[in-house]
């Protein structure tokens, strides 16, 4: 195990953000070049989406205003101030900072702008212009009690999980009531809220000079619009905006979710088992990842692994099917090469490449309320663990290479 000081990805992210904002006015020429190269995609109204997998910003929305190019934090401002509490300054320098954090739930609820309750109100309609107002059975609107804003439409079985209950859930999860809350806030006008605490364990992947340090946080992510489950993830990211919330989901090492039902709080034991919040879990996780980092993996072996995960089409398969397979194989090869440049040609680099592809490169087909919004659909898929089985199979297959 390494004795080096752990590298906190949150500090690295915040430092990069601060540098970006301070230097924004001097980067117009570079900005224009990025647009021309396609790494910044214009969305209209001075908004651009980053298309650069090698940067922290990939997938993020930037805004050009007053000669500056600024990231979009996406935090709720419906009360006239940013809904964010954090134990350290955020990259955007917004919200309320309590140095070192606090264990006072009431303070965090208020400073994070999430000390509101959500009510359930019936959906009503008119069947003609002057007709009577009628209720729509088994359909409800979730409404903030402070601003009166409607958040979403839900079914008759949906039960609101209040923000305060989410804090109680996390406290019960770790069996202690003096936890320090790292961050809390709301995005999308309060439709989604996040709460984070830091775990005392540090995961160190220190093999063959890799020296990957993972400082885990437990993050609860709750939606009030019926768009997702109540989720708890173990992740290296401390959410302080909409994009770091997305990073927390993307890089989650374990996740657990439950539907908005009355018995959510009763499933603490299940969540604890699934998330593996024990020293034994982190020791085993570290050992397996270090083993992968010690295992050399030639490109040909990597190709055999991905061919087992995605079976090659028959020679007489349609051209489109064969082209799609070839394109996926090339993209995975590029990701493996990029990870190998830092991590070596190892099974660990292969796992990172496959995980990155599954989370952020694999094609998505947005449906329903997410139709036309690929980024939201992809984040939702990561959140709900749509490709967890694929990633687990890849992990198990790569471990077999160690034992040959």
Protein backbone atom coordinates (compact mmCIF):
# COMPACT_ATOMS: atom_id res chain seq x y z
CA UNK A 1 0.00 0.00 0.00
CA UNK A 2 1.19 3.52 -0.72
CA UNK A 3 2.04 6.00 2.06
CA UNK A 4 1.54 8.98 -0.22
CA UNK A 5 -1.01 11.62 0.62
CA UNK A 6 -4.34 10.81 -1.04
CA UNK A 7 -5.26 12.99 -3.98
CA UNK A 8 -8.77 14.43 -3.52
CA UNK A 9 -10.43 14.66 -6.94
CA UNK A 10 -12.67 17.41 -5.55
CA UNK A 11 -9.68 19.65 -4.78
CA UNK A 12 -8.26 19.02 -8.24
CA UNK A 13 -11.61 19.83 -9.81
CA UNK A 14 -12.10 23.01 -7.73
CA UNK A 15 -8.57 24.22 -8.52
CA UNK A 16 -9.10 23.70 -12.23
CA UNK A 17 -12.42 25.57 -12.10
CA UNK A 18 -10.88 28.54 -10.28
CA UNK A 19 -8.11 28.77 -12.87
CA UNK A 20 -10.64 28.55 -15.70
CA UNK A 21 -12.76 31.40 -14.38
CA UNK A 22 -9.79 33.69 -13.66
CA UNK A 23 -8.35 33.17 -17.13
CA UNK A 24 -11.65 33.18 -19.05
CA UNK A 25 -11.27 36.67 -20.52
CA UNK A 26 -7.91 35.76 -22.07
CA UNK A 27 -9.09 32.56 -23.75
CA UNK A 28 -11.42 33.83 -26.47
CA UNK A 29 -9.07 32.76 -29.28
CA UNK A 30 -8.75 29.30 -27.79
CA UNK A 31 -12.52 29.15 -27.39
CA UNK A 32 -13.05 29.95 -31.07
CA UNK A 33 -10.52 27.27 -32.01
CA UNK A 34 -12.35 24.68 -29.89
CA UNK A 35 -15.63 25.53 -31.61
CA UNK A 36 -13.97 25.15 -35.00
CA UNK A 37 -12.45 21.81 -33.93
CA UNK A 38 -15.77 20.47 -32.67
CA UNK A 39 -14.74 20.07 -29.04
CA UNK A 40 -17.28 22.80 -28.20
CA UNK A 41 -20.71 22.33 -29.74
CA UNK A 42 -22.93 25.46 -30.05
CA UNK A 43 -26.41 24.97 -28.56
CA UNK A 44 -27.72 28.50 -29.17
CA UNK A 45 -28.33 31.44 -26.81
CA UNK A 46 -24.62 31.62 -25.94
CA UNK A 47 -24.59 28.02 -24.65
CA UNK A 48 -22.03 25.39 -25.66
CA UNK A 49 -21.62 21.73 -24.76
CA UNK A 50 -18.13 20.32 -24.22
CA UNK A 51 -17.28 17.36 -26.46
CA UNK A 52 -13.83 16.51 -25.10
CA UNK A 53 -13.52 13.14 -23.27
CA UNK A 54 -10.05 14.07 -22.01
CA UNK A 55 -11.22 17.01 -19.85
CA UNK A 56 -13.09 17.42 -16.57
CA UNK A 57 -15.70 19.37 -18.53
CA UNK A 58 -16.78 16.63 -20.94
CA UNK A 59 -20.55 16.82 -21.42
CA UNK A 60 -20.83 20.06 -19.45
CA UNK A 61 -22.67 23.16 -20.59
CA UNK A 62 -20.69 26.44 -20.80
CA UNK A 63 -22.19 29.92 -21.15
CA UNK A 64 -20.59 32.81 -23.04
CA UNK A 65 -21.53 36.15 -21.50
CA UNK A 66 -19.89 39.55 -21.02
CA UNK A 67 -16.80 38.36 -22.87
CA UNK A 68 -16.32 35.46 -20.47
CA UNK A 69 -16.89 31.73 -20.84
CA UNK A 70 -18.30 30.29 -17.64
CA UNK A 71 -19.48 26.84 -16.60
CA UNK A 72 -23.17 26.46 -15.82
CA UNK A 73 -23.62 25.37 -12.21
CA UNK A 74 -27.29 24.37 -12.58
CA UNK A 75 -28.09 24.96 -8.89
CA UNK A 76 -31.54 26.00 -7.70
CA UNK A 77 -31.96 29.77 -7.31
CA UNK A 78 -35.75 29.90 -6.94
CA UNK A 79 -35.44 31.57 -3.50
CA UNK A 80 -33.17 34.27 -4.83
CA UNK A 81 -29.95 32.65 -3.63
CA UNK A 82 -27.97 29.59 -4.60
CA UNK A 83 -29.15 26.40 -2.87
CA UNK A 84 -25.81 24.97 -1.73
CA UNK A 85 -23.99 24.15 1.49
CA UNK A 86 -20.40 22.84 1.38
CA UNK A 87 -17.59 22.13 3.82
CA UNK A 88 -15.06 23.57 1.33
CA UNK A 89 -15.31 26.37 -1.25
CA UNK A 90 -16.83 25.18 -4.52
CA UNK A 91 -15.19 25.92 -7.88
CA UNK A 92 -17.93 28.46 -8.72
CA UNK A 93 -17.47 30.27 -5.35
CA UNK A 94 -21.22 30.14 -4.73
CA UNK A 95 -23.29 28.85 -1.84
CA UNK A 96 -22.51 28.88 1.88
CA UNK A 97 -19.25 27.38 3.12
CA UNK A 98 -18.81 26.08 6.67
CA UNK A 99 -15.06 25.29 6.89
CA UNK A 100 -14.58 21.72 8.07
CA UNK A 101 -18.30 21.02 7.79
CA UNK A 102 -20.97 20.58 10.45
CA UNK A 103 -22.97 17.71 11.94
CA UNK A 104 -26.03 19.95 12.50
CA UNK A 105 -28.72 18.66 10.15
CA UNK A 106 -30.97 21.68 10.68
CA UNK A 107 -28.15 24.03 9.67
CA UNK A 108 -27.33 22.01 6.57
CA UNK A 109 -30.98 21.87 5.50
CA UNK A 110 -31.27 25.64 5.76
CA UNK A 111 -27.88 26.58 4.25
CA UNK A 112 -28.32 24.04 1.47
CA UNK A 113 -31.68 25.55 0.53
CA UNK A 114 -33.42 22.20 0.95
CA UNK A 115 -35.39 22.88 4.15
CA UNK A 116 -38.63 22.56 2.21
CA UNK A 117 -41.23 19.83 2.17
CA UNK A 118 -42.84 18.40 -0.93
CA UNK A 119 -46.61 17.95 -1.05
CA UNK A 120 -48.72 15.74 -3.26
CA UNK A 121 -51.73 17.39 -4.93
CA UNK A 122 -54.30 15.79 -7.27
CA UNK A 123 -54.16 16.42 -11.01
CA UNK A 124 -57.34 18.16 -12.17
CA UNK A 125 -58.64 18.96 -15.65
CA UNK A 126 -61.55 20.39 -17.61
CA UNK A 127 -63.10 18.29 -20.34
CA UNK A 128 -64.31 21.44 -22.10
CA UNK A 129 -63.58 25.16 -21.93
CA UNK A 130 -66.32 25.88 -19.40
CA UNK A 131 -66.76 22.38 -18.05
CA UNK A 132 -66.40 21.29 -14.45
CA UNK A 133 -62.99 20.73 -12.89
CA UNK A 134 -62.49 17.00 -12.45
CA UNK A 135 -59.74 15.00 -10.72
CA UNK A 136 -57.67 12.54 -12.76
CA UNK A 137 -57.65 9.30 -10.73
CA UNK A 138 -54.28 8.01 -9.52
CA UNK A 139 -52.39 11.04 -10.86
CA UNK A 140 -50.78 13.69 -8.67
CA UNK A 141 -48.50 16.73 -8.87
CA UNK A 142 -45.59 17.14 -6.46
CA UNK A 143 -45.37 20.72 -5.19
CA UNK A 144 -42.80 22.62 -3.10
CA UNK A 145 -44.41 23.99 0.05
CA UNK A 146 -42.19 27.10 0.11
CA UNK A 147 -42.32 28.40 -3.48
CA UNK A 148 -45.48 26.62 -4.62
CA UNK A 149 -43.64 25.39 -7.73
CA UNK A 150 -44.89 22.21 -9.37
CA UNK A 151 -42.06 19.69 -9.66
CA UNK A 152 -43.52 16.73 -11.53
CA UNK A 153 -46.41 14.35 -12.14
CA UNK A 154 -46.47 11.05 -10.25
CA UNK A 155 -48.73 8.03 -9.85
CA UNK A 156 -50.98 7.03 -7.03
CA UNK A 157 -48.41 4.69 -5.41
CA UNK A 158 -45.70 7.36 -5.28
CA UNK A 159 -44.73 8.46 -1.77
CA UNK A 160 -42.67 11.58 -1.20
CA UNK A 161 -39.34 11.01 0.56
CA UNK A 162 -38.72 14.34 2.25
CA UNK A 163 -35.27 15.91 2.28
CA UNK A 164 -35.05 15.58 6.05
CA UNK A 165 -35.75 11.85 5.77
CA UNK A 166 -32.83 11.48 3.35
CA UNK A 167 -30.47 12.80 6.07
CA UNK A 168 -31.90 10.31 8.53
CA UNK A 169 -31.40 7.52 6.02
CA UNK A 170 -27.69 8.32 5.62
CA UNK A 171 -27.16 8.60 9.37
CA UNK A 172 -28.79 5.22 9.94
CA UNK A 173 -26.73 3.77 7.10
CA UNK A 174 -23.42 4.38 8.86
CA UNK A 175 -24.70 3.75 12.43
CA UNK A 176 -23.50 7.07 13.79
CA UNK A 177 -25.10 10.43 14.47
CA UNK A 178 -22.06 12.71 14.67
CA UNK A 179 -21.27 12.56 10.94
CA UNK A 180 -19.88 15.63 9.20
CA UNK A 181 -21.95 16.65 6.21
CA UNK A 182 -19.78 17.53 3.24
CA UNK A 183 -22.32 19.15 0.93
CA UNK A 184 -26.04 19.53 0.29
CA UNK A 185 -28.07 21.39 -2.27
CA UNK A 186 -30.72 21.38 -4.96
CA UNK A 187 -30.68 21.50 -8.76
CA UNK A 188 -33.38 21.88 -11.42
CA UNK A 189 -35.54 24.21 -9.29
CA UNK A 190 -35.56 21.66 -6.46
CA UNK A 191 -36.62 18.68 -8.53
CA UNK A 192 -33.42 16.95 -7.45
CA UNK A 193 -31.49 17.29 -4.20
CA UNK A 194 -28.15 15.85 -3.10
CA UNK A 195 -26.52 15.23 0.28
CA UNK A 196 -22.97 13.99 0.85
CA UNK A 197 -20.85 12.72 3.75
CA UNK A 198 -17.24 11.56 3.66
CA UNK A 199 -16.17 8.04 4.65
CA UNK A 200 -13.05 7.64 6.80
CA UNK A 201 -11.57 4.94 4.52
CA UNK A 202 -9.24 5.84 1.67
CA UNK A 203 -8.93 3.35 -1.19
CA UNK A 204 -5.39 3.23 -2.57
CA UNK A 205 -4.68 1.42 -5.84
CA UNK A 206 -0.89 1.42 -5.72
CA UNK A 207 0.54 -1.17 -8.04
CA UNK A 208 3.31 -0.78 -10.60
CA UNK A 209 3.37 2.95 -10.00
CA UNK A 210 -0.36 3.48 -10.69
CA UNK A 211 -0.94 5.19 -7.33
CA UNK A 212 -4.65 5.83 -7.84
CA UNK A 213 -6.13 7.27 -4.65
CA UNK A 214 -9.88 7.12 -4.12
CA UNK A 215 -11.40 9.13 -1.25
CA UNK A 216 -14.96 7.80 -0.99
CA UNK A 217 -18.07 9.80 -0.20
CA UNK A 218 -21.58 8.54 0.44
CA UNK A 219 -24.01 10.62 -1.60
CA UNK A 220 -27.79 10.47 -1.44
CA UNK A 221 -29.62 11.66 -4.54
CA UNK A 222 -33.34 12.26 -4.31
CA UNK A 223 -35.80 13.32 -6.98
CA UNK A 224 -39.17 14.96 -6.34
CA UNK A 225 -40.52 14.75 -9.89
CA UNK A 226 -40.89 10.99 -10.29
CA UNK A 227 -37.93 10.79 -12.70
CA UNK A 228 -35.77 8.40 -10.68
CA UNK A 229 -35.42 6.26 -7.59
CA UNK A 230 -34.00 7.50 -4.29
CA UNK A 231 -30.34 6.57 -4.72
CA UNK A 232 -27.33 6.22 -2.47
CA UNK A 233 -23.90 5.88 -4.10
CA UNK A 234 -20.31 5.48 -2.92
CA UNK A 235 -18.26 7.83 -5.09
CA UNK A 236 -15.05 9.92 -5.08
CA UNK A 237 -17.01 13.09 -5.89
CA UNK A 238 -18.41 15.66 -3.45
CA UNK A 239 -21.39 17.20 -5.33
CA UNK A 240 -21.41 21.02 -5.42
CA UNK A 241 -23.35 21.61 -8.65
CA UNK A 242 -25.34 19.83 -11.32
CA UNK A 243 -22.20 18.62 -13.08
CA UNK A 244 -20.40 17.25 -10.02
CA UNK A 245 -23.69 15.54 -9.17
CA UNK A 246 -23.38 13.92 -12.60
CA UNK A 247 -19.73 13.01 -11.91
CA UNK A 248 -20.80 11.40 -8.60
CA UNK A 249 -23.14 9.13 -10.55
CA UNK A 250 -20.70 8.43 -13.36
CA UNK A 251 -17.84 7.35 -11.10
CA UNK A 252 -19.88 5.55 -8.43
CA UNK A 253 -18.15 2.40 -7.12
CA UNK A 254 -21.39 1.06 -5.64
CA UNK A 255 -25.01 2.15 -5.76
CA UNK A 256 -28.31 1.25 -4.18
CA UNK A 257 -31.76 2.53 -5.04
CA UNK A 258 -35.32 2.26 -3.80
CA UNK A 259 -38.62 3.42 -5.17
CA UNK A 260 -40.46 6.21 -3.43
CA UNK A 261 -42.51 4.02 -1.11
CA UNK A 262 -43.43 4.12 2.56
CA UNK A 263 -40.95 1.40 3.50
CA UNK A 264 -37.82 3.07 2.08
CA UNK A 265 -36.41 3.76 5.56
CA UNK A 266 -37.01 0.12 6.51
CA UNK A 267 -34.47 -1.12 3.96
CA UNK A 268 -31.32 0.21 5.67
CA UNK A 269 -29.83 -3.28 6.11
CA UNK A 270 -30.29 -4.04 2.41
CA UNK A 271 -28.60 -0.77 1.45
CA UNK A 272 -25.70 -1.43 3.78
CA UNK A 273 -25.13 -4.89 2.29
CA UNK A 274 -25.36 -3.63 -1.29
CA UNK A 275 -23.04 -0.68 -0.77
CA UNK A 276 -20.57 -2.75 1.24
CA UNK A 277 -19.92 0.00 3.76
CA UNK A 278 -17.42 -1.99 5.80
CA UNK A 279 -13.65 -2.08 6.17
CA UNK A 280 -13.73 -5.63 4.78
CA UNK A 281 -15.44 -4.40 1.61
CA UNK A 282 -12.87 -1.67 0.97
CA UNK A 283 -9.97 -4.03 1.70
CA UNK A 284 -11.35 -6.58 -0.77
CA UNK A 285 -12.09 -3.90 -3.37
CA UNK A 286 -8.56 -2.52 -3.08
CA UNK A 287 -6.99 -5.97 -3.31
CA UNK A 288 -8.90 -6.88 -6.47
CA UNK A 289 -8.13 -3.59 -8.19
CA UNK A 290 -4.45 -3.82 -7.26
CA UNK A 291 -4.37 -7.35 -8.65
CA UNK A 292 -5.76 -6.08 -11.94
CA UNK A 293 -3.19 -3.27 -11.91
CA UNK A 294 -0.40 -5.88 -11.54
CA UNK A 295 -1.70 -7.97 -14.44
CA UNK A 296 -0.21 -7.18 -17.83
CA UNK A 297 -2.69 -7.30 -20.68
CA UNK A 298 -1.72 -7.30 -24.33
CA UNK A 299 -4.01 -5.63 -26.83
CA UNK A 300 -4.91 -9.02 -28.32
CA UNK A 301 -6.06 -10.23 -24.89
CA UNK A 302 -8.12 -7.07 -24.46
CA UNK A 303 -9.79 -7.73 -27.80
CA UNK A 304 -10.65 -11.27 -26.69
CA UNK A 305 -12.28 -9.88 -23.54
CA UNK A 306 -14.44 -7.40 -25.41
CA UNK A 307 -15.39 -10.08 -27.95
CA UNK A 308 -16.71 -12.14 -25.04
CA UNK A 309 -18.69 -9.17 -23.73
CA UNK A 310 -19.98 -8.19 -27.18
CA UNK A 311 -20.07 -11.29 -29.40
CA UNK A 312 -18.81 -10.55 -32.93
CA UNK A 313 -21.47 -10.81 -35.65
CA UNK A 314 -21.45 -13.64 -38.17
CA UNK A 315 -19.67 -12.92 -41.49
CA UNK A 316 -23.03 -12.90 -43.25
CA UNK A 317 -24.63 -10.47 -40.77
CA UNK A 318 -26.01 -7.18 -42.18
CA UNK A 319 -23.38 -4.58 -43.05
CA UNK A 320 -24.77 -2.18 -40.46
CA UNK A 321 -24.42 -4.78 -37.70
CA UNK A 322 -20.81 -5.53 -38.69
CA UNK A 323 -19.98 -1.81 -38.93
CA UNK A 324 -21.45 -1.12 -35.50
CA UNK A 325 -19.37 -3.92 -33.98
CA UNK A 326 -16.22 -2.64 -35.69
CA UNK A 327 -16.90 0.91 -34.52
CA UNK A 328 -17.44 -0.22 -30.92
CA UNK A 329 -14.25 -2.31 -31.01
CA UNK A 330 -12.24 0.66 -32.33
CA UNK A 331 -13.66 2.98 -29.68
CA UNK A 332 -12.89 0.54 -26.87
CA UNK A 333 -9.37 0.11 -28.26
CA UNK A 334 -8.86 3.88 -28.21
CA UNK A 335 -10.10 4.06 -24.62
CA UNK A 336 -7.79 1.22 -23.58
CA UNK A 337 -4.82 2.92 -25.26
CA UNK A 338 -5.63 6.21 -23.49
CA UNK A 339 -5.94 4.54 -20.08
CA UNK A 340 -2.84 2.43 -20.67
CA UNK A 341 -0.79 5.59 -21.24
CA UNK A 342 -1.25 6.39 -17.55
CA UNK A 343 -1.96 3.02 -15.96
CA UNK A 344 0.14 0.73 -18.11
CA UNK A 345 -1.08 -2.07 -20.38
CA UNK A 346 -2.89 -3.81 -17.54
CA UNK A 347 -6.21 -5.42 -16.73
CA UNK A 348 -6.92 -2.38 -14.53
CA UNK A 349 -6.61 -0.06 -17.55
CA UNK A 350 -8.89 -2.44 -19.47
CA UNK A 351 -11.54 -2.29 -16.75
CA UNK A 352 -11.41 1.49 -16.68
CA UNK A 353 -11.81 1.58 -20.48
CA UNK A 354 -14.83 -0.75 -20.47
CA UNK A 355 -16.46 1.17 -17.61
CA UNK A 356 -15.95 4.49 -19.38
CA UNK A 357 -17.44 3.10 -22.57
CA UNK A 358 -20.47 1.63 -20.77
CA UNK A 359 -21.18 4.85 -18.86
CA UNK A 360 -20.41 7.52 -21.43
CA UNK A 361 -19.88 6.13 -24.93
CA UNK A 362 -22.46 3.39 -25.37
CA UNK A 363 -25.45 4.46 -27.48
CA UNK A 364 -28.57 5.53 -25.59
CA UNK A 365 -32.13 5.82 -26.89
CA UNK A 366 -33.97 8.43 -24.80
CA UNK A 367 -37.69 7.76 -24.39
CA UNK A 368 -40.61 9.39 -22.61
CA UNK A 369 -39.80 12.66 -20.84
CA UNK A 370 -36.08 12.24 -21.75
CA UNK A 371 -36.72 12.05 -25.49
CA UNK A 372 -34.25 14.29 -27.30
CA UNK A 373 -32.03 14.75 -24.21
CA UNK A 374 -29.17 12.27 -24.64
CA UNK A 375 -27.08 13.65 -21.76
CA UNK A 376 -29.94 13.37 -19.24
CA UNK A 377 -30.82 9.90 -20.51
CA UNK A 378 -27.21 8.76 -20.16
CA UNK A 379 -26.91 10.18 -16.63
CA UNK A 380 -30.16 8.46 -15.69
CA UNK A 381 -28.86 5.14 -17.08
CA UNK A 382 -25.68 5.49 -15.00
CA UNK A 383 -27.73 6.40 -11.93
CA UNK A 384 -30.04 3.42 -12.29
CA UNK A 385 -27.17 1.03 -12.98
CA UNK A 386 -28.40 -0.03 -16.41
CA UNK A 387 -24.96 -1.43 -17.33
CA UNK A 388 -23.93 -2.74 -13.91
CA UNK A 389 -24.21 -6.35 -15.13
CA UNK A 390 -21.90 -5.62 -18.06
CA UNK A 391 -19.31 -3.98 -15.81
CA UNK A 392 -19.52 -6.81 -13.29
CA UNK A 393 -19.00 -9.42 -16.03
CA UNK A 394 -16.01 -7.45 -17.31
CA UNK A 395 -14.53 -7.29 -13.79
CA UNK A 396 -14.98 -11.04 -13.24
CA UNK A 397 -13.56 -11.89 -16.68
CA UNK A 398 -10.48 -9.74 -16.14
CA UNK A 399 -9.89 -11.37 -12.76
CA UNK A 400 -9.78 -14.78 -14.49
CA UNK A 401 -6.77 -13.56 -16.46
CA UNK A 402 -4.93 -13.12 -13.18
CA UNK A 403 -5.45 -16.74 -12.26
CA UNK A 404 -4.32 -18.31 -15.53
